[in-house]
C-alpha atoms as a PDB file:
ATOM      1  CA  MET A   1    -171.125 137.519-129.437  1.00  0.00           C
ATOM      2  CA  ILE A   2    -172.551 140.593-131.054  1.00  0.00           C
ATOM      3  CA  LEU A   3    -174.639 138.327-133.715  1.00  0.00           C
ATOM      4  CA  ALA A   4    -176.162 136.478-130.468  1.00  0.00           C
ATOM      5  CA  THR A   5    -176.648 139.695-128.947  1.00  0.00           C
ATOM      6  CA  LYS A   6    -178.684 141.277-131.763  1.00  0.00           C
ATOM      7  CA  SER A   7    -180.464 137.928-132.398  1.00  0.00           C
ATOM      8  CA  ALA A   8    -181.647 137.944-128.693  1.00  0.00           C
ATOM      9  CA  LEU A   9    -182.447 141.559-128.661  1.00  0.00           C
ATOM     10  CA  ARG A  10    -184.376 141.027-132.077  1.00  0.00           C
ATOM     11  CA  SER A  11    -186.268 137.832-130.673  1.00  0.00           C
ATOM     12  CA  GLY A  12    -187.286 140.226-127.795  1.00  0.00           C
ATOM     13  CA  VAL A  13    -188.781 142.850-129.590  1.00  0.00           C
ATOM     14  CA  GLU A  14    -190.561 140.631-131.695  1.00  0.00           C
ATOM     15  CA  VAL A  15    -192.174 138.762-128.637  1.00  0.00           C
ATOM     16  CA  LYS A  16    -193.093 142.395-127.615  1.00  0.00           C
ATOM     17  CA  LEU A  17    -195.121 143.126-130.840  1.00  0.00           C
ATOM     18  CA  LEU A  18    -196.290 139.927-130.927  1.00  0.00           C
ATOM     19  CA  HIS A  19    -198.063 140.730-127.521  1.00  0.00           C
ATOM     20  CA  ILE A  20    -199.209 144.042-128.751  1.00  0.00           C
ATOM     21  CA  ARG A  21    -200.898 142.329-131.653  1.00  0.00           C
ATOM     22  CA  GLU A  22    -202.434 139.862-129.346  1.00  0.00           C
ATOM     23  CA  ARG A  23    -203.999 142.333-127.251  1.00  0.00           C
ATOM     24  CA  GLU A  24    -205.404 144.026-130.345  1.00  0.00           C
ATOM     25  CA  LEU A  25    -206.627 140.814-131.646  1.00  0.00           C
ATOM     26  CA  GLY A  26    -208.435 140.407-128.162  1.00  0.00           C
ATOM     27  CA  TYR A  27    -210.054 143.802-128.540  1.00  0.00           C
ATOM     28  CA  PHE A  28    -211.635 143.025-131.762  1.00  0.00           C
ATOM     29  CA  TYR A  29    -212.747 139.585-130.658  1.00  0.00           C
ATOM     30  CA  SER A  30    -214.500 141.428-127.936  1.00  0.00           C
ATOM     31  CA  ALA A  31    -216.235 144.333-130.255  1.00  0.00           C
ATOM     32  CA  CYS A  32    -217.405 141.441-132.404  1.00  0.00           C
ATOM     33  CA  THR A  33    -219.050 139.343-129.891  1.00  0.00           C
ATOM     34  CA  GLN A  34    -220.582 142.394-128.741  1.00  0.00           C
ATOM     35  CA  ILE A  35    -221.971 142.865-132.397  1.00  0.00           C
ATOM     36  CA  ALA A  36    -222.989 139.342-132.489  1.00  0.00           C
ATOM     37  CA  THR A  37    -225.143 139.914-129.140  1.00  0.00           C
ATOM     38  CA  GLN A  38    -226.845 143.220-130.170  1.00  0.00           C
ATOM     39  CA  SER A  39    -227.500 141.890-133.552  1.00  0.00           C
ATOM     40  CA  ALA A  40    -229.117 138.812-132.265  1.00  0.00           C
ATOM     41  CA  LEU A  41    -231.315 140.885-130.014  1.00  0.00           C
ATOM     42  CA  LEU A  42    -232.321 143.191-132.997  1.00  0.00           C
ATOM     43  CA  ALA A  43    -233.119 140.349-134.667  1.00  0.00           C
ATOM     44  CA  GLY A  44    -235.364 138.979-132.063  1.00  0.00           C
ATOM     45  CA  PHE A  45    -237.376 142.291-131.848  1.00  0.00           C
ATOM     46  CA  CYS A  46    -237.672 142.113-135.500  1.00  0.00           C
ATOM     47  CA  TYR A  47    -239.152 138.671-135.597  1.00  0.00           C
ATOM     48  CA  SER A  48    -241.814 139.805-133.125  1.00  0.00           C
ATOM     49  CA  GLY A  49    -242.814 142.854-135.119  1.00  0.00           C
ATOM     50  CA  LEU A  50    -243.818 139.919-137.657  1.00  0.00           C
ATOM     51  CA  THR A  51    -246.634 139.027-135.467  1.00  0.00           C
ATOM     52  CA  TYR A  52    -248.204 142.256-135.877  1.00  0.00           C
ATOM     53  CA  LEU A  53    -249.124 141.497-139.422  1.00  0.00           C
ATOM     54  CA  THR A  54    -252.127 139.169-138.193  1.00  0.00           C
ATOM     55  CA  TYR A  55    -253.787 142.171-136.204  1.00  0.00           C
ATOM     56  CA  VAL A  56    -253.616 144.541-139.367  1.00  0.00           C
ATOM     57  CA  ASP A  57    -257.367 145.628-139.571  1.00  0.00           C
ATOM     58  CA  GLY A  58    -258.896 149.119-141.046  1.00  0.00           C
ATOM     59  CA  ASP A  59    -255.696 151.244-140.954  1.00  0.00           C
ATOM     60  CA  ILE A  60    -254.979 154.351-142.951  1.00  0.00           C
ATOM     61  CA  CYS A  61    -252.783 152.656-145.625  1.00  0.00           C
ATOM     62  CA  GLU A  62    -253.575 149.067-145.261  1.00  0.00           C
ATOM     63  CA  LYS A  63    -252.828 148.214-149.081  1.00  0.00           C
ATOM     64  CA  THR A  64    -249.668 150.222-149.253  1.00  0.00           C
ATOM     65  CA  CYS A  65    -248.240 149.803-145.712  1.00  0.00           C
ATOM     66  CA  ALA A  66    -249.458 147.148-143.769  1.00  0.00           C
ATOM     67  CA  GLU A  67    -249.554 144.662-146.695  1.00  0.00           C
ATOM     68  CA  MET A  68    -246.117 145.264-148.472  1.00  0.00           C
ATOM     69  CA  THR A  69    -243.672 148.229-146.712  1.00  0.00           C
ATOM     70  CA  TYR A  70    -243.708 147.085-143.215  1.00  0.00           C
ATOM     71  CA  PRO A  71    -243.357 143.240-143.818  1.00  0.00           C
ATOM     72  CA  LEU A  72    -240.599 144.290-146.353  1.00  0.00           C
ATOM     73  CA  ALA A  73    -239.022 146.544-143.837  1.00  0.00           C
ATOM     74  CA  VAL A  74    -239.254 143.985-140.967  1.00  0.00           C
ATOM     75  CA  THR A  75    -237.885 141.279-142.890  1.00  0.00           C
ATOM     76  CA  SER A  76    -235.115 143.629-144.213  1.00  0.00           C
ATOM     77  CA  ALA A  77    -234.023 144.635-140.780  1.00  0.00           C
ATOM     78  CA  MET A  78    -234.167 140.890-139.523  1.00  0.00           C
ATOM     79  CA  GLY A  79    -232.226 139.919-142.726  1.00  0.00           C
ATOM     80  CA  PHE A  80    -229.233 142.387-141.993  1.00  0.00           C
ATOM     81  CA  SER A  81    -229.285 141.562-138.491  1.00  0.00           C
ATOM     82  CA  MET A  82    -228.530 138.025-139.171  1.00  0.00           C
ATOM     83  CA  LEU A  83    -225.899 138.848-141.536  1.00  0.00           C
ATOM     84  CA  ALA A  84    -224.010 140.744-139.152  1.00  0.00           C
ATOM     85  CA  LEU A  85    -224.923 138.310-136.537  1.00  0.00           C
ATOM     86  CA  TRP A  86    -223.201 135.443-138.753  1.00  0.00           C
ATOM     87  CA  GLN A  87    -220.422 137.592-140.067  1.00  0.00           C
ATOM     88  CA  SER A  88    -219.076 138.568-136.686  1.00  0.00           C
ATOM     89  CA  THR A  89    -219.687 135.243-135.157  1.00  0.00           C
ATOM     90  CA  LEU A  90    -217.485 133.513-137.555  1.00  0.00           C
ATOM     91  CA  ALA A  91    -214.762 136.087-137.421  1.00  0.00           C
ATOM     92  CA  SER A  92    -214.524 135.781-133.811  1.00  0.00           C
ATOM     93  CA  MET A  93    -214.216 131.828-134.100  1.00  0.00           C
ATOM     94  CA  PHE A  94    -211.701 131.696-136.767  1.00  0.00           C
ATOM     95  CA  ALA A  95    -209.335 134.598-136.093  1.00  0.00           C
ATOM     96  CA  PRO A  96    -207.787 133.312-132.896  1.00  0.00           C
ATOM     97  CA  GLY A  97    -207.691 129.998-134.544  1.00  0.00           C
ATOM     98  CA  LEU A  98    -205.835 131.350-137.266  1.00  0.00           C
ATOM     99  CA  ALA A  99    -203.408 133.417-134.913  1.00  0.00           C
ATOM    100  CA  LEU A 100    -202.698 130.401-132.650  1.00  0.00           C
ATOM    101  CA  ARG A 101    -202.449 127.310-134.953  1.00  0.00           C
ATOM    102  CA  GLY A 102    -201.323 129.514-138.227  1.00  0.00           C
ATOM    103  CA  PRO A 103    -197.887 129.549-139.723  1.00  0.00           C
ATOM    104  CA  PRO A 104    -195.435 132.454-138.696  1.00  0.00           C
ATOM    105  CA  GLY A 105    -197.006 135.907-139.433  1.00  0.00           C
ATOM    106  CA  SER A 106    -200.444 134.730-138.535  1.00  0.00           C
ATOM    107  CA  MET A 107    -201.202 136.993-135.852  1.00  0.00           C
ATOM    108  CA  GLU A 108    -200.589 140.045-137.845  1.00  0.00           C
ATOM    109  CA  MET A 109    -202.758 138.383-140.510  1.00  0.00           C
ATOM    110  CA  ALA A 110    -205.605 137.463-138.082  1.00  0.00           C
ATOM    111  CA  ALA A 111    -205.665 140.922-136.613  1.00  0.00           C
ATOM    112  CA  ASN A 112    -205.811 142.596-139.725  1.00  0.00           C
ATOM    113  CA  GLN A 113    -208.493 140.353-141.222  1.00  0.00           C
ATOM    114  CA  LEU A 114    -210.544 140.710-138.023  1.00  0.00           C
ATOM    115  CA  VAL A 115    -210.523 144.181-138.072  1.00  0.00           C
ATOM    116  CA  GLU A 116    -212.082 144.218-141.757  1.00  0.00           C
ATOM    117  CA  GLU A 117    -214.613 141.846-140.849  1.00  0.00           C
ATOM    118  CA  TYR A 118    -215.618 143.953-137.799  1.00  0.00           C
ATOM    119  CA  GLN A 119    -215.835 146.800-139.995  1.00  0.00           C
ATOM    120  CA  GLY A 120    -218.299 144.893-142.000  1.00  0.00           C
ATOM    121  CA  ALA A 121    -220.398 143.417-139.633  1.00  0.00           C
ATOM    122  CA  MET A 122    -220.833 147.244-138.050  1.00  0.00           C
ATOM    123  CA  ARG A 123    -221.665 148.553-141.214  1.00  0.00           C
ATOM    124  CA  LEU A 124    -224.474 145.740-141.266  1.00  0.00           C
ATOM    125  CA  PHE A 125    -225.660 146.359-138.000  1.00  0.00           C
ATOM    126  CA  VAL A 126    -225.994 150.023-138.621  1.00  0.00           C
ATOM    127  CA  VAL A 127    -228.097 149.189-141.505  1.00  0.00           C
ATOM    128  CA  SER A 128    -230.326 146.967-139.760  1.00  0.00           C
ATOM    129  CA  LEU A 129    -230.886 149.462-136.823  1.00  0.00           C
ATOM    130  CA  PHE A 130    -231.903 152.307-139.071  1.00  0.00           C
ATOM    131  CA  LEU A 131    -234.146 149.624-140.973  1.00  0.00           C
ATOM    132  CA  PHE A 132    -235.614 148.742-137.554  1.00  0.00           C
ATOM    133  CA  MET A 133    -236.317 152.262-136.714  1.00  0.00           C
ATOM    134  CA  ALA A 134    -238.066 152.628-140.056  1.00  0.00           C
ATOM    135  CA  THR A 135    -240.540 149.736-139.021  1.00  0.00           C
ATOM    136  CA  ALA A 136    -241.449 151.901-136.149  1.00  0.00           C
ATOM    137  CA  LEU A 137    -242.212 154.628-138.591  1.00  0.00           C
ATOM    138  CA  LEU A 138    -244.315 152.570-140.788  1.00  0.00           C
ATOM    139  CA  TRP A 139    -246.198 150.992-138.026  1.00  0.00           C
ATOM    140  CA  SER A 140    -247.090 154.523-136.703  1.00  0.00           C
ATOM    141  CA  TRP A 141    -248.926 154.982-140.199  1.00  0.00           C
ATOM    142  CA  THR A 142    -251.363 151.937-139.226  1.00  0.00           C
ATOM    143  CA  TRP A 143    -252.913 153.968-136.748  1.00  0.00           C
ATOM    144  CA  ASP A 144    -256.410 155.287-137.634  1.00  0.00           C
ATOM    145  CA  SER A 145    -255.867 158.934-136.219  1.00  0.00           C
ATOM    146  CA  TRP A 146    -253.874 161.201-138.431  1.00  0.00           C
ATOM    147  CA  ILE A 147    -252.561 162.954-135.397  1.00  0.00           C
ATOM    148  CA  THR A 148    -251.284 160.129-133.577  1.00  0.00           C
ATOM    149  CA  SER A 149    -249.572 158.773-137.129  1.00  0.00           C
ATOM    150  CA  ALA A 150    -247.870 162.226-137.410  1.00  0.00           C
ATOM    151  CA  ILE A 151    -246.421 162.482-133.592  1.00  0.00           C
ATOM    152  CA  GLY A 152    -245.374 158.887-134.140  1.00  0.00           C
ATOM    153  CA  THR A 153    -243.360 159.784-137.398  1.00  0.00           C
ATOM    154  CA  LEU A 154    -242.302 162.886-136.146  1.00  0.00           C
ATOM    155  CA  MET A 155    -240.646 160.769-132.806  1.00  0.00           C
ATOM    156  CA  VAL A 156    -239.310 158.082-134.986  1.00  0.00           C
ATOM    157  CA  ILE A 157    -237.497 160.991-137.511  1.00  0.00           C
ATOM    158  CA  VAL A 158    -236.049 162.624-134.457  1.00  0.00           C
ATOM    159  CA  THR A 159    -234.796 159.653-133.019  1.00  0.00           C
ATOM    160  CA  MET A 160    -233.133 158.661-136.386  1.00  0.00           C
ATOM    161  CA  ARG A 161    -231.412 161.984-136.569  1.00  0.00           C
ATOM    162  CA  VAL A 162    -229.951 161.805-132.936  1.00  0.00           C
ATOM    163  CA  THR A 163    -228.729 158.330-133.780  1.00  0.00           C
ATOM    164  CA  TYR A 164    -227.013 159.625-136.750  1.00  0.00           C
ATOM    165  CA  ASN A 165    -225.590 162.599-134.988  1.00  0.00           C
ATOM    166  CA  THR A 166    -224.465 160.265-132.389  1.00  0.00           C
ATOM    167  CA  ILE A 167    -222.215 158.027-134.594  1.00  0.00           C
ATOM    168  CA  ILE A 168    -220.833 161.400-136.100  1.00  0.00           C
ATOM    169  CA  ASN A 169    -219.998 163.033-132.987  1.00  0.00           C
ATOM    170  CA  VAL A 170    -218.455 159.796-131.373  1.00  0.00           C
ATOM    171  CA  GLY A 171    -216.482 159.272-134.855  1.00  0.00           C
ATOM    172  CA  ASP A 172    -215.053 162.791-134.524  1.00  0.00           C
ATOM    173  CA  GLU A 173    -213.923 162.550-131.217  1.00  0.00           C
ATOM    174  CA  PHE A 174    -212.057 159.233-131.622  1.00  0.00           C
ATOM    175  CA  ASP A 175    -210.833 160.141-135.280  1.00  0.00           C
ATOM    176  CA  PHE A 176    -207.248 160.117-136.249  1.00  0.00           C
ATOM    177  CA  ASP A 177    -205.380 160.204-139.254  1.00  0.00           C
ATOM    178  CA  PRO A 178    -204.449 156.913-140.600  1.00  0.00           C
ATOM    179  CA  SER A 179    -201.541 158.323-142.453  1.00  0.00           C
ATOM    180  CA  LEU A 180    -199.868 158.780-139.013  1.00  0.00           C
ATOM    181  CA  VAL A 181    -199.910 155.151-138.189  1.00  0.00           C
ATOM    182  CA  ALA A 182    -196.632 153.137-138.426  1.00  0.00           C
ATOM    183  CA  ARG A 183    -195.701 149.693-137.877  1.00  0.00           C
ATOM    184  CA  THR A 184    -192.167 148.201-137.227  1.00  0.00           C
ATOM    185  CA  ASN A 185    -190.621 145.926-139.675  1.00  0.00           C
ATOM    186  CA  PHE A 186    -187.516 143.682-139.265  1.00  0.00           C
ATOM    187  CA  ARG A 187    -184.825 143.226-141.760  1.00  0.00           C
ATOM    188  CA  ASP A 188    -182.200 140.507-142.136  1.00  0.00           C
ATOM    189  CA  ALA A 189    -179.239 141.054-139.694  1.00  0.00           C
ATOM    190  CA  THR A 190    -176.810 140.604-142.853  1.00  0.00           C
ATOM    191  CA  ALA A 191    -178.727 143.126-144.601  1.00  0.00           C
ATOM    192  CA  GLY A 192    -177.809 146.044-142.006  1.00  0.00           C
ATOM    193  CA  GLY A 193    -180.330 145.455-139.211  1.00  0.00           C
ATOM    194  CA  TRP A 194    -183.742 147.051-138.470  1.00  0.00           C
ATOM    195  CA  ALA A 195    -185.689 149.697-140.482  1.00  0.00           C
ATOM    196  CA  PRO A 196    -188.912 151.122-139.525  1.00  0.00           C
ATOM    197  CA  ARG A 197    -191.733 150.569-142.227  1.00  0.00           C
ATOM    198  CA  LYS A 198    -193.093 153.726-144.157  1.00  0.00           C
ATOM    199  CA  PRO A 199    -196.213 154.981-142.620  1.00  0.00           C
ATOM    200  CA  SER A 200    -199.404 153.111-143.980  1.00  0.00           C
ATOM    201  CA  PRO A 201    -203.048 153.198-143.588  1.00  0.00           C
ATOM    202  CA  ASP A 202    -204.472 151.317-140.817  1.00  0.00           C
ATOM    203  CA  PRO A 203    -207.730 149.412-141.410  1.00  0.00           C
ATOM    204  CA  LEU A 204    -208.809 150.521-137.880  1.00  0.00           C
ATOM    205  CA  ALA A 205    -208.570 154.072-138.571  1.00  0.00           C
ATOM    206  CA  THR A 206    -210.894 153.809-141.823  1.00  0.00           C
ATOM    207  CA  SER A 207    -213.743 152.775-139.402  1.00  0.00           C
ATOM    208  CA  HIS A 208    -213.270 155.762-137.353  1.00  0.00           C
ATOM    209  CA  ALA A 209    -212.853 158.416-140.268  1.00  0.00           C
ATOM    210  CA  SER A 210    -214.762 161.504-139.744  1.00  0.00           C
ATOM    211  CA  LEU A 211    -217.843 162.168-142.145  1.00  0.00           C
ATOM    212  CA  ARG A 212    -217.808 165.876-141.374  1.00  0.00           C
ATOM    213  CA  ASP A 213    -215.457 168.791-141.821  1.00  0.00           C
ATOM    214  CA  GLY A 214    -215.537 170.041-138.421  1.00  0.00           C
ATOM    215  CA  GLY A 215    -213.821 168.629-135.449  1.00  0.00           C
ATOM    216  CA  GLN A 216    -210.072 168.087-136.771  1.00  0.00           C
ATOM    217  CA  LEU A 217    -209.050 166.780-133.338  1.00  0.00           C
ATOM    218  CA  GLY A 218    -206.235 169.321-133.160  1.00  0.00           C
ATOM    219  CA  LEU A 219    -204.557 168.729-136.372  1.00  0.00           C
ATOM    220  CA  ALA A 220    -202.483 171.493-137.950  1.00  0.00           C
ATOM    221  CA  PRO A 221    -203.398 173.044-140.920  1.00  0.00           C
ATOM    222  CA  SER A 222    -201.613 171.100-143.131  1.00  0.00           C
ATOM    223  CA  ALA A 223    -202.240 167.761-141.852  1.00  0.00           C
ATOM    224  CA  ALA A 224    -205.963 168.624-142.131  1.00  0.00           C
ATOM    225  CA  ALA A 225    -205.504 169.699-145.537  1.00  0.00           C
ATOM    226  CA  ALA A 226    -203.612 166.431-146.431  1.00  0.00           C
ATOM    227  CA  ARG A 227    -206.626 164.560-144.657  1.00  0.00           C
ATOM    228  CA  ARG A 228    -209.127 165.952-146.958  1.00  0.00           C
ATOM    229  CA  ARG A 229    -207.053 164.737-150.309  1.00  0.00           C
ATOM    230  CA  GLU A 230    -207.213 161.002-148.730  1.00  0.00           C
ATOM    231  CA  PRO A 231    -209.709 158.757-150.676  1.00  0.00           C
ATOM    232  CA  TRP A 232    -211.278 157.607-147.665  1.00  0.00           C
ATOM    233  CA  TYR A 233    -212.110 161.157-146.610  1.00  0.00           C
ATOM    234  CA  SER A 234    -213.846 161.831-149.864  1.00  0.00           C
ATOM    235  CA  ARG A 235    -215.805 158.480-149.857  1.00  0.00           C
ATOM    236  CA  ASN A 236    -217.287 159.202-146.489  1.00  0.00           C
ATOM    237  CA  ARG A 237    -217.996 162.698-147.291  1.00  0.00           C
ATOM    238  CA  ALA A 238    -220.024 161.378-150.212  1.00  0.00           C
ATOM    239  CA  ILE A 239    -221.795 158.842-147.956  1.00  0.00           C
ATOM    240  CA  GLN A 240    -222.672 161.909-145.787  1.00  0.00           C
ATOM    241  CA  ALA A 241    -224.211 163.769-148.808  1.00  0.00           C
ATOM    242  CA  VAL A 242    -226.343 160.949-149.839  1.00  0.00           C
ATOM    243  CA  LEU A 243    -227.607 160.453-145.904  1.00  0.00           C
ATOM    244  CA  ASN A 244    -228.168 163.956-145.012  1.00  0.00           C
ATOM    245  CA  PRO A 245    -231.001 164.824-147.047  1.00  0.00           C
ATOM    246  CA  LEU A 246    -232.988 161.897-145.663  1.00  0.00           C
ATOM    247  CA  LEU A 247    -232.739 163.106-142.032  1.00  0.00           C
ATOM    248  CA  LEU A 248    -233.954 166.462-140.529  1.00  0.00           C
ATOM    249  CA  PRO A 249    -231.649 169.245-140.461  1.00  0.00           C
ATOM    250  CA  THR A 250    -230.142 170.635-137.142  1.00  0.00           C
ATOM    251  CA  PRO A 251    -228.106 173.887-136.558  1.00  0.00           C
ATOM    252  CA  MET A 252    -226.186 172.379-133.607  1.00  0.00           C
ATOM    253  CA  ARG A 253    -224.594 169.383-132.460  1.00  0.00           C
ATOM    254  CA  LEU A 254    -227.027 167.566-130.163  1.00  0.00           C
ATOM    255  CA  PHE A 255    -223.871 166.037-128.158  1.00  0.00           C
END
């Protein structure tokens, strides 16, 4: 009787955890479809930008800008957009199939793998977005007036800086320490019941990791210090060190 009650309780908890993972899978499925839609839209804009090449005549940097750098930036932006579109589309197609038709434990595997594919597609989309803005900068250099070109260049750089700040600020507001994430694991009933698994990093948490020292989201000083020792924190700090010199410095947060 006790073993039957224990088995029923365990089955009930497993079903509830399965429903939680199903909701997580649905969330990232929707996120991947959103990335696919936006990537397709951006790729269409880039393809339309290729038609400008037939109208280049008498610009201020025809040999270096219009004939090489501009087409290269447009095709690169379109290529990264198509990669993001393809990766997010395949992930949103195959992950639900694995969760539905796979062996026991496939729901956990599908959800974790979909998180990784979502992160990769998001990185590709961000790269294509900045390359698309770079094409606008290069296109401004094809104008005859130096004043117009300078104003257009300044506007594009400010837009890139605002976009970068938005990514950083939103990441700070929704950031959390991946070491605080814990999942439940079951042991065999003959081995002494159930026990919680040790906290482990979650793939979702690394996609929202902060790229700056500020904005610790209320963590205690010891937790903030431990956070700085994490490999993902050092890696993101290195990425910021590379990107910051390429953008205009700003003394305050824009958002």
